[in-house]
N, C-alpha and C. Protein backbone atom coordinates (compact mmCIF):
# COMPACT_ATOMS: atom_id res chain seq x y z
N UNK A 1 164.43 -231.30 -10.40
CA UNK A 1 165.09 -230.63 -11.49
C UNK A 1 164.26 -229.51 -12.08
N UNK A 2 163.00 -229.54 -11.81
CA UNK A 2 162.13 -228.53 -12.36
C UNK A 2 162.28 -227.19 -11.66
N UNK A 3 162.97 -227.15 -10.53
CA UNK A 3 163.10 -225.91 -9.76
C UNK A 3 164.11 -224.94 -10.38
N UNK A 4 165.11 -225.46 -11.02
CA UNK A 4 166.14 -224.61 -11.60
C UNK A 4 165.86 -224.40 -13.08
N UNK A 5 166.05 -223.19 -13.51
CA UNK A 5 165.87 -222.92 -14.92
C UNK A 5 167.08 -222.15 -15.42
N UNK A 6 167.27 -222.15 -16.67
CA UNK A 6 168.41 -221.48 -17.25
C UNK A 6 168.15 -219.97 -17.33
N UNK A 7 169.23 -219.21 -17.20
CA UNK A 7 169.12 -217.75 -17.33
C UNK A 7 168.85 -217.42 -18.78
N UNK A 8 167.85 -216.64 -18.99
CA UNK A 8 167.51 -216.27 -20.36
C UNK A 8 167.97 -214.84 -20.64
N UNK A 9 167.79 -214.44 -21.84
CA UNK A 9 168.23 -213.10 -22.24
C UNK A 9 167.41 -212.01 -21.54
N UNK A 10 166.15 -212.27 -21.23
CA UNK A 10 165.31 -211.27 -20.57
C UNK A 10 165.74 -211.02 -19.13
N UNK A 11 166.32 -212.03 -18.45
CA UNK A 11 166.82 -211.84 -17.09
C UNK A 11 167.99 -210.88 -17.06
N UNK A 12 168.85 -210.94 -18.07
CA UNK A 12 170.03 -210.06 -18.10
C UNK A 12 169.62 -208.60 -18.31
N UNK A 13 168.55 -208.37 -19.03
CA UNK A 13 168.10 -207.00 -19.27
C UNK A 13 167.53 -206.35 -18.02
N UNK A 14 167.06 -207.11 -17.07
CA UNK A 14 166.45 -206.57 -15.85
C UNK A 14 167.49 -206.13 -14.82
N UNK A 15 168.71 -206.60 -14.91
CA UNK A 15 169.75 -206.25 -13.95
C UNK A 15 170.24 -204.83 -14.24
N UNK A 16 170.29 -203.99 -13.18
CA UNK A 16 170.76 -202.62 -13.36
C UNK A 16 170.55 -201.83 -12.08
N UNK A 17 171.11 -200.62 -12.06
CA UNK A 17 170.99 -199.74 -10.91
C UNK A 17 170.04 -198.61 -11.28
N UNK A 18 169.08 -198.36 -10.40
CA UNK A 18 168.12 -197.29 -10.63
C UNK A 18 168.78 -195.96 -10.26
N UNK A 19 168.95 -195.08 -11.23
CA UNK A 19 169.67 -193.81 -11.03
C UNK A 19 168.75 -192.67 -10.60
N UNK A 20 167.45 -192.85 -10.68
CA UNK A 20 166.55 -191.73 -10.38
C UNK A 20 166.65 -191.22 -8.94
N UNK A 21 166.83 -192.05 -7.89
CA UNK A 21 167.01 -191.47 -6.55
C UNK A 21 168.29 -190.65 -6.42
N UNK A 22 169.34 -191.07 -7.10
CA UNK A 22 170.60 -190.33 -7.07
C UNK A 22 170.42 -188.97 -7.75
N UNK A 23 169.74 -188.94 -8.87
CA UNK A 23 169.50 -187.69 -9.58
C UNK A 23 168.63 -186.77 -8.73
N UNK A 24 167.63 -187.32 -8.05
CA UNK A 24 166.79 -186.52 -7.16
C UNK A 24 167.61 -185.87 -6.06
N UNK A 25 168.53 -186.63 -5.46
CA UNK A 25 169.39 -186.08 -4.39
C UNK A 25 170.27 -184.96 -4.92
N UNK A 26 170.82 -185.13 -6.11
CA UNK A 26 171.68 -184.10 -6.69
C UNK A 26 170.89 -182.82 -6.95
N UNK A 27 169.68 -182.94 -7.48
CA UNK A 27 168.86 -181.75 -7.72
C UNK A 27 168.45 -181.07 -6.42
N UNK A 28 168.16 -181.82 -5.39
CA UNK A 28 167.81 -181.23 -4.10
C UNK A 28 169.00 -180.47 -3.52
N UNK A 29 170.20 -181.03 -3.62
CA UNK A 29 171.40 -180.33 -3.16
C UNK A 29 171.64 -179.06 -3.97
N UNK A 30 171.44 -179.15 -5.28
CA UNK A 30 171.62 -177.99 -6.14
C UNK A 30 170.66 -176.86 -5.74
N UNK A 31 169.41 -177.20 -5.52
CA UNK A 31 168.43 -176.20 -5.10
C UNK A 31 168.80 -175.62 -3.74
N UNK A 32 169.26 -176.45 -2.82
CA UNK A 32 169.67 -175.98 -1.50
C UNK A 32 170.80 -174.96 -1.60
N UNK A 33 171.82 -175.25 -2.41
CA UNK A 33 172.95 -174.33 -2.53
C UNK A 33 172.57 -173.05 -3.26
N UNK A 34 171.66 -173.12 -4.21
CA UNK A 34 171.23 -171.91 -4.90
C UNK A 34 170.46 -171.00 -3.95
N UNK A 35 169.59 -171.58 -3.13
CA UNK A 35 168.77 -170.79 -2.21
C UNK A 35 169.62 -170.16 -1.11
N UNK A 36 170.64 -170.85 -0.63
CA UNK A 36 171.43 -170.33 0.49
C UNK A 36 172.59 -169.43 0.07
N UNK A 37 172.78 -169.22 -1.23
CA UNK A 37 173.86 -168.36 -1.70
C UNK A 37 173.54 -166.90 -1.41
N UNK A 38 174.53 -166.17 -0.92
CA UNK A 38 174.38 -164.74 -0.65
C UNK A 38 174.88 -163.98 -1.86
N UNK A 39 174.03 -163.15 -2.40
CA UNK A 39 174.41 -162.35 -3.56
C UNK A 39 174.86 -160.98 -3.09
N UNK A 40 176.05 -160.56 -3.52
CA UNK A 40 176.58 -159.26 -3.14
C UNK A 40 176.10 -158.24 -4.16
N UNK A 41 175.50 -157.18 -3.68
CA UNK A 41 174.96 -156.15 -4.56
C UNK A 41 176.01 -155.07 -4.75
N UNK A 42 176.24 -154.68 -5.98
CA UNK A 42 177.21 -153.64 -6.29
C UNK A 42 176.49 -152.40 -6.77
N UNK A 43 177.19 -151.25 -6.75
CA UNK A 43 176.57 -150.00 -7.19
C UNK A 43 176.59 -149.86 -8.70
N UNK A 44 177.52 -150.47 -9.38
CA UNK A 44 177.57 -150.40 -10.84
C UNK A 44 178.57 -149.41 -11.38
N UNK A 45 179.24 -148.66 -10.52
CA UNK A 45 180.28 -147.73 -10.96
C UNK A 45 181.53 -147.95 -10.13
N UNK A 46 182.68 -147.59 -10.71
CA UNK A 46 183.95 -147.71 -10.00
C UNK A 46 184.21 -146.41 -9.24
N UNK A 47 184.42 -146.52 -7.93
CA UNK A 47 184.61 -145.33 -7.09
C UNK A 47 185.97 -145.46 -6.39
N UNK A 48 186.75 -144.38 -6.46
CA UNK A 48 188.04 -144.32 -5.75
C UNK A 48 187.76 -143.79 -4.35
N UNK A 49 187.66 -144.73 -3.38
CA UNK A 49 187.27 -144.34 -2.01
C UNK A 49 188.42 -143.65 -1.30
N UNK A 50 188.10 -142.69 -0.43
CA UNK A 50 189.16 -142.05 0.36
C UNK A 50 189.70 -143.02 1.42
N UNK A 51 190.90 -142.75 1.89
CA UNK A 51 191.54 -143.62 2.87
C UNK A 51 191.20 -143.16 4.29
N UNK A 52 191.00 -144.14 5.21
CA UNK A 52 190.70 -143.81 6.61
C UNK A 52 191.35 -144.83 7.52
N UNK A 53 191.89 -144.36 8.63
CA UNK A 53 192.55 -145.26 9.58
C UNK A 53 191.52 -146.06 10.37
N UNK A 54 190.33 -145.54 10.52
CA UNK A 54 189.30 -146.21 11.33
C UNK A 54 188.37 -147.08 10.50
N UNK A 55 188.78 -147.46 9.29
CA UNK A 55 187.93 -148.25 8.41
C UNK A 55 187.69 -149.63 9.01
N UNK A 56 186.46 -150.15 8.84
CA UNK A 56 186.12 -151.47 9.36
C UNK A 56 185.18 -152.16 8.38
N UNK A 57 185.05 -153.48 8.55
CA UNK A 57 184.16 -154.26 7.68
C UNK A 57 182.71 -153.94 8.01
N UNK A 58 181.88 -153.79 6.97
CA UNK A 58 180.46 -153.53 7.16
C UNK A 58 179.66 -154.75 6.75
N UNK A 59 178.38 -154.74 7.11
CA UNK A 59 177.52 -155.88 6.84
C UNK A 59 177.32 -156.09 5.34
N UNK A 60 177.10 -157.37 4.96
CA UNK A 60 176.90 -157.69 3.55
C UNK A 60 175.55 -157.19 3.06
N UNK A 61 174.51 -157.30 3.87
CA UNK A 61 173.20 -156.84 3.45
C UNK A 61 173.08 -155.36 3.79
N UNK A 62 173.22 -154.53 2.78
CA UNK A 62 173.16 -153.10 2.98
C UNK A 62 172.76 -152.43 1.67
N UNK A 63 172.38 -151.17 1.77
CA UNK A 63 172.03 -150.37 0.60
C UNK A 63 173.28 -149.59 0.19
N UNK A 64 173.79 -149.85 -1.01
CA UNK A 64 175.01 -149.19 -1.48
C UNK A 64 174.65 -148.08 -2.45
N UNK A 65 175.03 -146.86 -2.10
CA UNK A 65 174.81 -145.70 -2.96
C UNK A 65 176.18 -145.12 -3.28
N UNK A 66 176.46 -144.89 -4.56
CA UNK A 66 177.77 -144.38 -4.98
C UNK A 66 177.66 -142.94 -5.45
N UNK A 67 178.72 -142.16 -5.14
CA UNK A 67 178.84 -140.80 -5.65
C UNK A 67 180.13 -140.77 -6.46
N UNK A 68 180.00 -140.49 -7.77
CA UNK A 68 181.18 -140.48 -8.64
C UNK A 68 181.92 -139.15 -8.51
N UNK A 69 183.10 -139.09 -9.12
CA UNK A 69 183.91 -137.87 -9.07
C UNK A 69 183.20 -136.70 -9.75
N UNK A 70 182.36 -137.00 -10.73
CA UNK A 70 181.64 -135.94 -11.45
C UNK A 70 180.37 -135.50 -10.71
N UNK A 71 180.05 -136.14 -9.56
CA UNK A 71 178.90 -135.74 -8.77
C UNK A 71 177.63 -136.51 -9.10
N UNK A 72 177.75 -137.59 -9.86
CA UNK A 72 176.59 -138.40 -10.20
C UNK A 72 176.31 -139.38 -9.06
N UNK A 73 175.03 -139.52 -8.69
CA UNK A 73 174.63 -140.43 -7.61
C UNK A 73 174.03 -141.68 -8.25
N UNK A 74 174.59 -142.85 -7.91
CA UNK A 74 174.24 -144.10 -8.58
C UNK A 74 173.79 -145.14 -7.56
N UNK A 75 172.69 -145.82 -7.89
CA UNK A 75 172.25 -146.98 -7.10
C UNK A 75 171.89 -148.09 -8.08
N UNK A 76 172.47 -149.27 -7.88
CA UNK A 76 172.15 -150.43 -8.72
C UNK A 76 172.48 -150.24 -10.18
N UNK A 77 173.51 -149.45 -10.48
CA UNK A 77 173.92 -149.26 -11.87
C UNK A 77 173.18 -148.15 -12.60
N UNK A 78 172.20 -147.52 -11.97
CA UNK A 78 171.48 -146.43 -12.63
C UNK A 78 171.60 -145.14 -11.84
N UNK A 79 171.67 -144.04 -12.55
CA UNK A 79 171.78 -142.73 -11.92
C UNK A 79 170.43 -142.34 -11.33
N UNK A 80 170.42 -142.01 -10.03
CA UNK A 80 169.15 -141.68 -9.36
C UNK A 80 169.07 -140.21 -8.96
N UNK A 81 170.17 -139.52 -8.94
CA UNK A 81 170.17 -138.10 -8.57
C UNK A 81 169.89 -137.92 -7.08
N UNK A 82 170.09 -136.70 -6.60
CA UNK A 82 169.91 -136.41 -5.17
C UNK A 82 168.44 -136.57 -4.77
N UNK A 83 167.53 -136.29 -5.69
CA UNK A 83 166.10 -136.41 -5.36
C UNK A 83 165.64 -137.87 -5.31
N UNK A 84 166.43 -138.78 -5.85
CA UNK A 84 166.04 -140.19 -5.85
C UNK A 84 166.52 -140.97 -4.65
N UNK A 85 167.40 -140.38 -3.84
CA UNK A 85 167.97 -141.09 -2.69
C UNK A 85 166.89 -141.40 -1.66
N UNK A 86 166.13 -140.40 -1.27
CA UNK A 86 165.13 -140.60 -0.22
C UNK A 86 164.06 -141.63 -0.61
N UNK A 87 163.46 -141.57 -1.81
CA UNK A 87 162.47 -142.60 -2.17
C UNK A 87 163.04 -144.01 -2.22
N UNK A 88 164.26 -144.16 -2.77
CA UNK A 88 164.88 -145.49 -2.85
C UNK A 88 165.14 -146.06 -1.47
N UNK A 89 165.74 -145.26 -0.60
CA UNK A 89 166.07 -145.74 0.75
C UNK A 89 164.79 -146.06 1.52
N UNK A 90 163.79 -145.18 1.42
CA UNK A 90 162.53 -145.41 2.13
C UNK A 90 161.89 -146.73 1.69
N UNK A 91 161.91 -147.01 0.39
CA UNK A 91 161.32 -148.24 -0.13
C UNK A 91 162.11 -149.47 0.29
N UNK A 92 163.44 -149.36 0.32
CA UNK A 92 164.28 -150.52 0.62
C UNK A 92 164.32 -150.88 2.10
N UNK A 93 164.09 -149.88 2.99
CA UNK A 93 164.13 -150.20 4.42
C UNK A 93 162.75 -150.48 4.99
N UNK A 94 161.74 -150.57 4.14
CA UNK A 94 160.40 -150.88 4.64
C UNK A 94 160.36 -152.26 5.29
N UNK A 95 161.00 -153.27 4.66
CA UNK A 95 160.95 -154.64 5.17
C UNK A 95 161.76 -154.79 6.45
N UNK A 96 163.00 -154.34 6.42
CA UNK A 96 163.86 -154.40 7.60
C UNK A 96 164.81 -153.22 7.59
N UNK A 97 165.26 -152.82 8.76
CA UNK A 97 166.13 -151.67 8.88
C UNK A 97 167.57 -152.07 8.58
N UNK A 98 167.97 -151.96 7.32
CA UNK A 98 169.34 -152.32 6.93
C UNK A 98 170.17 -151.04 6.77
N UNK A 99 171.48 -151.15 6.98
CA UNK A 99 172.32 -149.95 6.90
C UNK A 99 172.47 -149.42 5.48
N UNK A 100 172.72 -148.14 5.37
CA UNK A 100 172.98 -147.47 4.10
C UNK A 100 174.47 -147.16 4.06
N UNK A 101 175.14 -147.56 2.97
CA UNK A 101 176.56 -147.28 2.82
C UNK A 101 176.74 -146.38 1.60
N UNK A 102 177.37 -145.23 1.82
CA UNK A 102 177.62 -144.28 0.74
C UNK A 102 179.07 -144.44 0.31
N UNK A 103 179.26 -144.80 -0.96
CA UNK A 103 180.61 -144.93 -1.53
C UNK A 103 180.89 -143.66 -2.31
N UNK A 104 181.55 -142.70 -1.67
CA UNK A 104 181.83 -141.43 -2.33
C UNK A 104 183.25 -141.45 -2.87
N UNK A 105 183.42 -141.02 -4.10
CA UNK A 105 184.74 -140.89 -4.69
C UNK A 105 185.50 -139.81 -3.93
N UNK A 106 186.82 -139.98 -3.81
CA UNK A 106 187.60 -139.01 -3.04
C UNK A 106 187.58 -137.63 -3.70
N UNK A 107 187.27 -137.57 -5.01
CA UNK A 107 187.20 -136.29 -5.71
C UNK A 107 185.78 -135.73 -5.75
N UNK A 108 184.83 -136.44 -5.17
CA UNK A 108 183.43 -135.97 -5.16
C UNK A 108 183.28 -134.78 -4.23
N UNK A 109 182.37 -133.87 -4.55
CA UNK A 109 182.16 -132.71 -3.66
C UNK A 109 181.65 -133.16 -2.29
N UNK A 110 182.25 -132.63 -1.22
CA UNK A 110 181.87 -133.04 0.13
C UNK A 110 180.46 -132.58 0.48
N UNK A 111 180.02 -131.48 -0.10
CA UNK A 111 178.67 -131.00 0.15
C UNK A 111 177.63 -131.98 -0.38
N UNK A 112 177.93 -132.62 -1.51
CA UNK A 112 177.03 -133.61 -2.08
C UNK A 112 176.96 -134.85 -1.20
N UNK A 113 178.11 -135.23 -0.63
CA UNK A 113 178.14 -136.37 0.29
C UNK A 113 177.26 -136.10 1.50
N UNK A 114 177.34 -134.91 2.06
CA UNK A 114 176.52 -134.55 3.21
C UNK A 114 175.04 -134.57 2.85
N UNK A 115 174.70 -134.09 1.65
CA UNK A 115 173.30 -134.09 1.22
C UNK A 115 172.77 -135.52 1.05
N UNK A 116 173.58 -136.43 0.52
CA UNK A 116 173.15 -137.82 0.34
C UNK A 116 172.93 -138.48 1.70
N UNK A 117 173.84 -138.25 2.63
CA UNK A 117 173.69 -138.79 3.99
C UNK A 117 172.42 -138.24 4.63
N UNK A 118 172.19 -136.94 4.46
CA UNK A 118 171.01 -136.30 5.01
C UNK A 118 169.72 -136.88 4.40
N UNK A 119 169.70 -137.07 3.09
CA UNK A 119 168.53 -137.64 2.42
C UNK A 119 168.25 -139.06 2.92
N UNK A 120 169.31 -139.85 3.13
CA UNK A 120 169.13 -141.22 3.63
C UNK A 120 168.56 -141.20 5.05
N UNK A 121 169.02 -140.29 5.87
CA UNK A 121 168.50 -140.20 7.24
C UNK A 121 167.06 -139.69 7.26
N UNK A 122 166.73 -138.78 6.36
CA UNK A 122 165.35 -138.28 6.26
C UNK A 122 164.40 -139.40 5.79
N UNK A 123 164.94 -140.38 5.05
CA UNK A 123 164.13 -141.50 4.58
C UNK A 123 163.86 -142.50 5.70
N UNK A 124 164.56 -142.36 6.84
CA UNK A 124 164.31 -143.24 7.97
C UNK A 124 165.45 -144.19 8.29
N UNK A 125 166.56 -144.08 7.56
CA UNK A 125 167.71 -144.95 7.84
C UNK A 125 168.36 -144.53 9.15
N UNK A 126 168.57 -145.51 10.04
CA UNK A 126 169.17 -145.19 11.34
C UNK A 126 170.69 -145.36 11.31
N UNK A 127 171.19 -146.15 10.37
CA UNK A 127 172.62 -146.40 10.29
C UNK A 127 173.12 -146.05 8.89
N UNK A 128 173.81 -144.92 8.78
CA UNK A 128 174.36 -144.46 7.51
C UNK A 128 175.87 -144.39 7.66
N UNK A 129 176.61 -145.05 6.76
CA UNK A 129 178.07 -145.09 6.83
C UNK A 129 178.67 -144.62 5.51
N UNK A 130 179.93 -144.20 5.57
CA UNK A 130 180.68 -143.81 4.39
C UNK A 130 181.76 -144.86 4.16
N UNK A 131 181.81 -145.43 2.97
CA UNK A 131 182.80 -146.46 2.64
C UNK A 131 184.15 -145.81 2.39
N UNK A 132 185.20 -146.39 2.99
CA UNK A 132 186.57 -145.90 2.80
C UNK A 132 187.50 -147.07 2.57
N UNK A 133 188.72 -146.75 2.15
CA UNK A 133 189.76 -147.77 2.06
C UNK A 133 190.46 -147.84 3.40
N UNK A 134 190.85 -149.04 3.82
CA UNK A 134 191.61 -149.20 5.05
C UNK A 134 193.04 -148.69 4.80
N UNK A 135 193.63 -148.06 5.81
CA UNK A 135 194.97 -147.52 5.65
C UNK A 135 195.98 -148.67 5.68
N UNK A 136 196.98 -148.56 4.82
CA UNK A 136 198.05 -149.57 4.78
C UNK A 136 199.09 -149.19 5.82
N UNK A 137 199.35 -150.12 6.69
CA UNK A 137 200.40 -149.81 7.66
C UNK A 137 199.97 -150.07 8.98
């Protein structure tokens, strides 16, 4: 009879599920999803792109340079001007050769578009594209 004892109040307090391994797994998954998320970089201005029948999807990792209707050249939400294109592109393609995409407004001067493309190529970019809208139809 000495082998069995009555359940006391302290035994009931010890029963429970350890939640710390579950919380660890949730945090590890959260970190995994944050690290693997692809962030899309925008130029910071709204551009009315011209329409083209040969439009195609471009790579997500690229340098986006916008030319507004008033002739302002924008990268990352800030105006860089024509003289800022070459230094920015040169600095950004040092790590890897990523394409440069110029988003020119349909009302932007075409001469300015050519100068921006030329500045990007002088900076060492091998792939320079112009963003357009796909034709409907």
